[in-house]
């Protein structure tokens, strides 16, 4: 997470990660298991 973080736009970057994670959980068995 630290090595890939967009240092200049963290607000947008984390919004993207959260939305993408929500999408993945809707189409896959929950990877967080």
ModelCIF file with pLDDT and N, C-alpha, C, O atoms, coordinates in Angstrom:
data_MODEL
#
_entry.id   MODEL 
#
_entity.id                         1 
_entity.type                       polymer 
_entity.pdbx_number_of_molecules   1 
#
_entity_poly.entity_id                      1 
_entity_poly.type                           'polypeptide(L)' 
_entity_poly.nstd_linkage                   no 
_entity_poly.nstd_monomer                   no 
_entity_poly.pdbx_seq_one_letter_code       
;(UNK)(UNK)(UNK)(UNK)(UNK)(UNK)(UNK)(UNK)(UNK)(UNK)(UNK)(UNK)(UNK)(UNK)(UNK)(UNK)
(UNK)(UNK)(UNK)(UNK)(UNK)(UNK)(UNK)(UNK)(UNK)(UNK)(UNK)(UNK)(UNK)(UNK)(UNK)(UNK)
(UNK)
;
_entity_poly.pdbx_seq_one_letter_code_can   XXXXXXXXXXXXXXXXXXXXXXXXXXXXXXXXX 
_entity_poly.pdbx_strand_id                 A 
#
loop_
_entity_poly_seq.entity_id 
_entity_poly_seq.num 
_entity_poly_seq.mon_id 
_entity_poly_seq.hetero 
1 1  UNK n 
1 2  UNK n 
1 3  UNK n 
1 4  UNK n 
1 5  UNK n 
1 6  UNK n 
1 7  UNK n 
1 8  UNK n 
1 9  UNK n 
1 10 UNK n 
1 11 UNK n 
1 12 UNK n 
1 13 UNK n 
1 14 UNK n 
1 15 UNK n 
1 16 UNK n 
1 17 UNK n 
1 18 UNK n 
1 19 UNK n 
1 20 UNK n 
1 21 UNK n 
1 22 UNK n 
1 23 UNK n 
1 24 UNK n 
1 25 UNK n 
1 26 UNK n 
1 27 UNK n 
1 28 UNK n 
1 29 UNK n 
1 30 UNK n 
1 31 UNK n 
1 32 UNK n 
1 33 UNK n 
#
_struct_asym.id          A 
_struct_asym.entity_id   1 
#
loop_
_ma_qa_metric.id 
_ma_qa_metric.mode 
_ma_qa_metric.name 
_ma_qa_metric.software_group_id 
_ma_qa_metric.type 
1 global pLDDT . pLDDT 
2 local  pLDDT . pLDDT 
#
_ma_qa_metric_global.metric_id      1 
_ma_qa_metric_global.metric_value   92.00 
_ma_qa_metric_global.model_id       1 
_ma_qa_metric_global.ordinal_id     1 
#
loop_
_ma_qa_metric_local.label_asym_id 
_ma_qa_metric_local.label_comp_id 
_ma_qa_metric_local.label_seq_id 
_ma_qa_metric_local.metric_id 
_ma_qa_metric_local.metric_value 
_ma_qa_metric_local.model_id 
_ma_qa_metric_local.ordinal_id 
A UNK 1  2 97.00 1 1  
A UNK 2  2 97.00 1 2  
A UNK 3  2 96.00 1 3  
A UNK 4  2 97.00 1 4  
A UNK 5  2 97.00 1 5  
A UNK 6  2 96.00 1 6  
A UNK 7  2 96.00 1 7  
A UNK 8  2 96.00 1 8  
A UNK 9  2 96.00 1 9  
A UNK 10 2 97.00 1 10 
A UNK 11 2 97.00 1 11 
A UNK 12 2 97.00 1 12 
A UNK 13 2 98.00 1 13 
A UNK 14 2 98.00 1 14 
A UNK 15 2 98.00 1 15 
A UNK 16 2 98.00 1 16 
A UNK 17 2 98.00 1 17 
A UNK 18 2 96.00 1 18 
A UNK 19 2 97.00 1 19 
A UNK 20 2 97.00 1 20 
A UNK 21 2 95.00 1 21 
A UNK 22 2 94.00 1 22 
A UNK 23 2 95.00 1 23 
A UNK 24 2 94.00 1 24 
A UNK 25 2 90.00 1 25 
A UNK 26 2 90.00 1 26 
A UNK 27 2 89.00 1 27 
A UNK 28 2 86.00 1 28 
A UNK 29 2 76.00 1 29 
A UNK 30 2 73.00 1 30 
A UNK 31 2 72.00 1 31 
A UNK 32 2 73.00 1 32 
A UNK 33 2 70.00 1 33 
#
loop_
_atom_site.group_PDB 
_atom_site.id 
_atom_site.type_symbol 
_atom_site.label_atom_id 
_atom_site.label_alt_id 
_atom_site.label_comp_id 
_atom_site.label_asym_id 
_atom_site.label_entity_id 
_atom_site.label_seq_id 
_atom_site.pdbx_PDB_ins_code 
_atom_site.Cartn_x 
_atom_site.Cartn_y 
_atom_site.Cartn_z 
_atom_site.occupancy 
_atom_site.B_iso_or_equiv 
_atom_site.pdbx_formal_charge 
_atom_site.auth_seq_id 
_atom_site.auth_comp_id 
_atom_site.auth_asym_id 
_atom_site.auth_atom_id 
_atom_site.pdbx_PDB_model_num 
ATOM 1   N N  . UNK A 1 1  ? 0.847   -1.207  0.000  1.00 97.00 ? 1  UNK A N  1 
ATOM 2   C CA . UNK A 1 1  ? 0.000   0.000   0.000  1.00 97.00 ? 1  UNK A CA 1 
ATOM 3   C C  . UNK A 1 1  ? 0.877   1.249   0.000  1.00 97.00 ? 1  UNK A C  1 
ATOM 4   O O  . UNK A 1 1  ? 0.595   2.210   -0.716 1.00 97.00 ? 1  UNK A O  1 
ATOM 5   N N  . UNK A 1 2  ? 1.927   1.232   0.794  1.00 97.00 ? 2  UNK A N  1 
ATOM 6   C CA . UNK A 1 2  ? 2.816   2.391   0.879  1.00 97.00 ? 2  UNK A CA 1 
ATOM 7   C C  . UNK A 1 2  ? 3.616   2.582   -0.402 1.00 97.00 ? 2  UNK A C  1 
ATOM 8   O O  . UNK A 1 2  ? 3.838   3.716   -0.827 1.00 97.00 ? 2  UNK A O  1 
ATOM 9   N N  . UNK A 1 3  ? 4.050   1.495   -1.019 1.00 96.00 ? 3  UNK A N  1 
ATOM 10  C CA . UNK A 1 3  ? 4.891   1.626   -2.221 1.00 96.00 ? 3  UNK A CA 1 
ATOM 11  C C  . UNK A 1 3  ? 4.084   2.028   -3.450 1.00 96.00 ? 3  UNK A C  1 
ATOM 12  O O  . UNK A 1 3  ? 4.636   2.620   -4.377 1.00 96.00 ? 3  UNK A O  1 
ATOM 13  N N  . UNK A 1 4  ? 2.796   1.721   -3.476 1.00 97.00 ? 4  UNK A N  1 
ATOM 14  C CA . UNK A 1 4  ? 1.982   2.060   -4.646 1.00 97.00 ? 4  UNK A CA 1 
ATOM 15  C C  . UNK A 1 4  ? 1.193   3.355   -4.468 1.00 97.00 ? 4  UNK A C  1 
ATOM 16  O O  . UNK A 1 4  ? 0.596   3.843   -5.427 1.00 97.00 ? 4  UNK A O  1 
ATOM 17  N N  . UNK A 1 5  ? 1.179   3.918   -3.268 1.00 97.00 ? 5  UNK A N  1 
ATOM 18  C CA . UNK A 1 5  ? 0.367   5.101   -2.983 1.00 97.00 ? 5  UNK A CA 1 
ATOM 19  C C  . UNK A 1 5  ? 0.724   6.285   -3.873 1.00 97.00 ? 5  UNK A C  1 
ATOM 20  O O  . UNK A 1 5  ? 1.898   6.615   -4.046 1.00 97.00 ? 5  UNK A O  1 
ATOM 21  N N  . UNK A 1 6  ? -0.296  6.917   -4.431 1.00 96.00 ? 6  UNK A N  1 
ATOM 22  C CA . UNK A 1 6  ? -0.114  8.165   -5.170 1.00 96.00 ? 6  UNK A CA 1 
ATOM 23  C C  . UNK A 1 6  ? 0.091   9.276   -4.135 1.00 96.00 ? 6  UNK A C  1 
ATOM 24  O O  . UNK A 1 6  ? -0.867  9.748   -3.522 1.00 96.00 ? 6  UNK A O  1 
ATOM 25  N N  . UNK A 1 7  ? 1.329   9.679   -3.950 1.00 96.00 ? 7  UNK A N  1 
ATOM 26  C CA . UNK A 1 7  ? 1.681   10.627  -2.896 1.00 96.00 ? 7  UNK A CA 1 
ATOM 27  C C  . UNK A 1 7  ? 1.041   11.996  -3.090 1.00 96.00 ? 7  UNK A C  1 
ATOM 28  O O  . UNK A 1 7  ? 0.834   12.726  -2.120 1.00 96.00 ? 7  UNK A O  1 
ATOM 29  N N  . UNK A 1 8  ? 0.730   12.345  -4.316 1.00 96.00 ? 8  UNK A N  1 
ATOM 30  C CA . UNK A 1 8  ? 0.176   13.676  -4.596 1.00 96.00 ? 8  UNK A CA 1 
ATOM 31  C C  . UNK A 1 8  ? -1.348  13.716  -4.549 1.00 96.00 ? 8  UNK A C  1 
ATOM 32  O O  . UNK A 1 8  ? -1.936  14.781  -4.361 1.00 96.00 ? 8  UNK A O  1 
ATOM 33  N N  . UNK A 1 9  ? -1.991  12.558  -4.720 1.00 96.00 ? 9  UNK A N  1 
ATOM 34  C CA . UNK A 1 9  ? -3.449  12.522  -4.781 1.00 96.00 ? 9  UNK A CA 1 
ATOM 35  C C  . UNK A 1 9  ? -3.999  11.371  -3.935 1.00 96.00 ? 9  UNK A C  1 
ATOM 36  O O  . UNK A 1 9  ? -4.733  10.532  -4.458 1.00 96.00 ? 9  UNK A O  1 
ATOM 37  N N  . UNK A 1 10 ? -3.666  11.311  -2.655 1.00 97.00 ? 10 UNK A N  1 
ATOM 38  C CA . UNK A 1 10 ? -4.133  10.185  -1.829 1.00 97.00 ? 10 UNK A CA 1 
ATOM 39  C C  . UNK A 1 10 ? -5.654  10.110  -1.705 1.00 97.00 ? 10 UNK A C  1 
ATOM 40  O O  . UNK A 1 10 ? -6.216  9.018   -1.619 1.00 97.00 ? 10 UNK A O  1 
ATOM 41  N N  . UNK A 1 11 ? -6.323  11.271  -1.695 1.00 97.00 ? 11 UNK A N  1 
ATOM 42  C CA . UNK A 1 11 ? -7.786  11.258  -1.583 1.00 97.00 ? 11 UNK A CA 1 
ATOM 43  C C  . UNK A 1 11 ? -8.407  10.484  -2.749 1.00 97.00 ? 11 UNK A C  1 
ATOM 44  O O  . UNK A 1 11 ? -9.239  9.601   -2.541 1.00 97.00 ? 11 UNK A O  1 
ATOM 45  N N  . UNK A 1 12 ? -8.008  10.815  -3.950 1.00 97.00 ? 12 UNK A N  1 
ATOM 46  C CA . UNK A 1 12 ? -8.532  10.143  -5.140 1.00 97.00 ? 12 UNK A CA 1 
ATOM 47  C C  . UNK A 1 12 ? -8.069  8.690   -5.203 1.00 97.00 ? 12 UNK A C  1 
ATOM 48  O O  . UNK A 1 12 ? -8.833  7.806   -5.588 1.00 97.00 ? 12 UNK A O  1 
ATOM 49  N N  . UNK A 1 13 ? -6.828  8.450   -4.827 1.00 98.00 ? 13 UNK A N  1 
ATOM 50  C CA . UNK A 1 13 ? -6.255  7.100   -4.904 1.00 98.00 ? 13 UNK A CA 1 
ATOM 51  C C  . UNK A 1 13 ? -7.010  6.133   -4.002 1.00 98.00 ? 13 UNK A C  1 
ATOM 52  O O  . UNK A 1 13 ? -7.371  5.037   -4.431 1.00 98.00 ? 13 UNK A O  1 
ATOM 53  N N  . UNK A 1 14 ? -7.248  6.528   -2.764 1.00 98.00 ? 14 UNK A N  1 
ATOM 54  C CA . UNK A 1 14 ? -7.941  5.628   -1.847 1.00 98.00 ? 14 UNK A CA 1 
ATOM 55  C C  . UNK A 1 14 ? -9.416  5.484   -2.217 1.00 98.00 ? 14 UNK A C  1 
ATOM 56  O O  . UNK A 1 14 ? -10.004 4.427   -1.987 1.00 98.00 ? 14 UNK A O  1 
ATOM 57  N N  . UNK A 1 15 ? -10.017 6.515   -2.779 1.00 98.00 ? 15 UNK A N  1 
ATOM 58  C CA . UNK A 1 15 ? -11.391 6.386   -3.267 1.00 98.00 ? 15 UNK A CA 1 
ATOM 59  C C  . UNK A 1 15 ? -11.454 5.323   -4.364 1.00 98.00 ? 15 UNK A C  1 
ATOM 60  O O  . UNK A 1 15 ? -12.380 4.512   -4.404 1.00 98.00 ? 15 UNK A O  1 
ATOM 61  N N  . UNK A 1 16 ? -10.462 5.336   -5.248 1.00 98.00 ? 16 UNK A N  1 
ATOM 62  C CA . UNK A 1 16 ? -10.412 4.342   -6.323 1.00 98.00 ? 16 UNK A CA 1 
ATOM 63  C C  . UNK A 1 16 ? -10.256 2.936   -5.762 1.00 98.00 ? 16 UNK A C  1 
ATOM 64  O O  . UNK A 1 16 ? -10.954 2.015   -6.186 1.00 98.00 ? 16 UNK A O  1 
ATOM 65  N N  . UNK A 1 17 ? -9.339  2.765   -4.806 1.00 98.00 ? 17 UNK A N  1 
ATOM 66  C CA . UNK A 1 17 ? -9.120  1.437   -4.222 1.00 98.00 ? 17 UNK A CA 1 
ATOM 67  C C  . UNK A 1 17 ? -10.379 0.914   -3.539 1.00 98.00 ? 17 UNK A C  1 
ATOM 68  O O  . UNK A 1 17 ? -10.724 -0.259  -3.675 1.00 98.00 ? 17 UNK A O  1 
ATOM 69  N N  . UNK A 1 18 ? -11.055 1.782   -2.811 1.00 96.00 ? 18 UNK A N  1 
ATOM 70  C CA . UNK A 1 18 ? -12.255 1.339   -2.094 1.00 96.00 ? 18 UNK A CA 1 
ATOM 71  C C  . UNK A 1 18 ? -13.370 0.952   -3.057 1.00 96.00 ? 18 UNK A C  1 
ATOM 72  O O  . UNK A 1 18 ? -14.068 -0.039  -2.839 1.00 96.00 ? 18 UNK A O  1 
ATOM 73  N N  . UNK A 1 19 ? -13.537 1.731   -4.120 1.00 97.00 ? 19 UNK A N  1 
ATOM 74  C CA . UNK A 1 19 ? -14.577 1.402   -5.096 1.00 97.00 ? 19 UNK A CA 1 
ATOM 75  C C  . UNK A 1 19 ? -14.252 0.109   -5.832 1.00 97.00 ? 19 UNK A C  1 
ATOM 76  O O  . UNK A 1 19 ? -15.133 -0.718  -6.066 1.00 97.00 ? 19 UNK A O  1 
ATOM 77  N N  . UNK A 1 20 ? -13.007 -0.059  -6.188 1.00 97.00 ? 20 UNK A N  1 
ATOM 78  C CA . UNK A 1 20 ? -12.594 -1.271  -6.900 1.00 97.00 ? 20 UNK A CA 1 
ATOM 79  C C  . UNK A 1 20 ? -12.739 -2.489  -5.989 1.00 97.00 ? 20 UNK A C  1 
ATOM 80  O O  . UNK A 1 20 ? -13.172 -3.551  -6.436 1.00 97.00 ? 20 UNK A O  1 
ATOM 81  N N  . UNK A 1 21 ? -12.381 -2.339  -4.724 1.00 95.00 ? 21 UNK A N  1 
ATOM 82  C CA . UNK A 1 21 ? -12.553 -3.434  -3.778 1.00 95.00 ? 21 UNK A CA 1 
ATOM 83  C C  . UNK A 1 21 ? -14.008 -3.822  -3.609 1.00 95.00 ? 21 UNK A C  1 
ATOM 84  O O  . UNK A 1 21 ? -14.337 -5.005  -3.525 1.00 95.00 ? 21 UNK A O  1 
ATOM 85  N N  . UNK A 1 22 ? -14.882 -2.824  -3.559 1.00 94.00 ? 22 UNK A N  1 
ATOM 86  C CA . UNK A 1 22 ? -16.321 -3.093  -3.483 1.00 94.00 ? 22 UNK A CA 1 
ATOM 87  C C  . UNK A 1 22 ? -16.794 -3.876  -4.702 1.00 94.00 ? 22 UNK A C  1 
ATOM 88  O O  . UNK A 1 22 ? -17.582 -4.815  -4.586 1.00 94.00 ? 22 UNK A O  1 
ATOM 89  N N  . UNK A 1 23 ? -16.299 -3.473  -5.877 1.00 95.00 ? 23 UNK A N  1 
ATOM 90  C CA . UNK A 1 23 ? -16.655 -4.176  -7.112 1.00 95.00 ? 23 UNK A CA 1 
ATOM 91  C C  . UNK A 1 23 ? -16.165 -5.623  -7.074 1.00 95.00 ? 23 UNK A C  1 
ATOM 92  O O  . UNK A 1 23 ? -16.919 -6.540  -7.402 1.00 95.00 ? 23 UNK A O  1 
ATOM 93  N N  . UNK A 1 24 ? -14.919 -5.833  -6.678 1.00 94.00 ? 24 UNK A N  1 
ATOM 94  C CA . UNK A 1 24 ? -14.371 -7.195  -6.649 1.00 94.00 ? 24 UNK A CA 1 
ATOM 95  C C  . UNK A 1 24 ? -15.184 -8.101  -5.730 1.00 94.00 ? 24 UNK A C  1 
ATOM 96  O O  . UNK A 1 24 ? -15.435 -9.261  -6.060 1.00 94.00 ? 24 UNK A O  1 
ATOM 97  N N  . UNK A 1 25 ? -15.595 -7.577  -4.581 1.00 90.00 ? 25 UNK A N  1 
ATOM 98  C CA . UNK A 1 25 ? -16.364 -8.396  -3.640 1.00 90.00 ? 25 UNK A CA 1 
ATOM 99  C C  . UNK A 1 25 ? -17.749 -8.732  -4.182 1.00 90.00 ? 25 UNK A C  1 
ATOM 100 O O  . UNK A 1 25 ? -18.376 -9.691  -3.733 1.00 90.00 ? 25 UNK A O  1 
ATOM 101 N N  . UNK A 1 26 ? -18.228 -7.947  -5.145 1.00 90.00 ? 26 UNK A N  1 
ATOM 102 C CA . UNK A 1 26 ? -19.552 -8.219  -5.727 1.00 90.00 ? 26 UNK A CA 1 
ATOM 103 C C  . UNK A 1 26 ? -19.504 -9.290  -6.810 1.00 90.00 ? 26 UNK A C  1 
ATOM 104 O O  . UNK A 1 26 ? -20.539 -9.850  -7.172 1.00 90.00 ? 26 UNK A O  1 
ATOM 105 N N  . UNK A 1 27 ? -18.315 -9.580  -7.327 1.00 89.00 ? 27 UNK A N  1 
ATOM 106 C CA . UNK A 1 27 ? -18.214 -10.534 -8.439 1.00 89.00 ? 27 UNK A CA 1 
ATOM 107 C C  . UNK A 1 27 ? -17.348 -11.753 -8.103 1.00 89.00 ? 27 UNK A C  1 
ATOM 108 O O  . UNK A 1 27 ? -17.260 -12.686 -8.902 1.00 89.00 ? 27 UNK A O  1 
ATOM 109 N N  . UNK A 1 28 ? -16.709 -11.752 -6.926 1.00 86.00 ? 28 UNK A N  1 
ATOM 110 C CA . UNK A 1 28 ? -15.819 -12.843 -6.539 1.00 86.00 ? 28 UNK A CA 1 
ATOM 111 C C  . UNK A 1 28 ? -16.156 -13.327 -5.132 1.00 86.00 ? 28 UNK A C  1 
ATOM 112 O O  . UNK A 1 28 ? -16.754 -12.592 -4.346 1.00 86.00 ? 28 UNK A O  1 
ATOM 113 N N  . UNK A 1 29 ? -15.770 -14.570 -4.815 1.00 76.00 ? 29 UNK A N  1 
ATOM 114 C CA . UNK A 1 29 ? -15.783 -14.953 -3.398 1.00 76.00 ? 29 UNK A CA 1 
ATOM 115 C C  . UNK A 1 29 ? -14.880 -13.990 -2.639 1.00 76.00 ? 29 UNK A C  1 
ATOM 116 O O  . UNK A 1 29 ? -13.797 -13.654 -3.118 1.00 76.00 ? 29 UNK A O  1 
ATOM 117 N N  . UNK A 1 30 ? -15.303 -13.551 -1.484 1.00 73.00 ? 30 UNK A N  1 
ATOM 118 C CA . UNK A 1 30 ? -14.611 -12.482 -0.763 1.00 73.00 ? 30 UNK A CA 1 
ATOM 119 C C  . UNK A 1 30 ? -13.121 -12.781 -0.559 1.00 73.00 ? 30 UNK A C  1 
ATOM 120 O O  . UNK A 1 30 ? -12.781 -13.665 0.228  1.00 73.00 ? 30 UNK A O  1 
ATOM 121 N N  . UNK A 1 31 ? -12.214 -12.053 -1.260 1.00 72.00 ? 31 UNK A N  1 
ATOM 122 C CA . UNK A 1 31 ? -10.777 -12.311 -1.101 1.00 72.00 ? 31 UNK A CA 1 
ATOM 123 C C  . UNK A 1 31 ? -10.259 -12.024 0.306  1.00 72.00 ? 31 UNK A C  1 
ATOM 124 O O  . UNK A 1 31 ? -9.218  -12.557 0.690  1.00 72.00 ? 31 UNK A O  1 
ATOM 125 N N  . UNK A 1 32 ? -10.956 -11.195 1.083  1.00 73.00 ? 32 UNK A N  1 
ATOM 126 C CA . UNK A 1 32 ? -10.444 -10.870 2.422  1.00 73.00 ? 32 UNK A CA 1 
ATOM 127 C C  . UNK A 1 32 ? -10.475 -12.076 3.351  1.00 73.00 ? 32 UNK A C  1 
ATOM 128 O O  . UNK A 1 32 ? -9.907  -12.021 4.442  1.00 73.00 ? 32 UNK A O  1 
ATOM 129 N N  . UNK A 1 33 ? -11.124 -13.158 2.946  1.00 70.00 ? 33 UNK A N  1 
ATOM 130 C CA . UNK A 1 33 ? -11.068 -14.383 3.745  1.00 70.00 ? 33 UNK A CA 1 
ATOM 131 C C  . UNK A 1 33 ? -9.653  -14.943 3.798  1.00 70.00 ? 33 UNK A C  1 
ATOM 132 O O  . UNK A 1 33 ? -9.420  -15.974 4.428  1.00 70.00 ? 33 UNK A O  1 
#
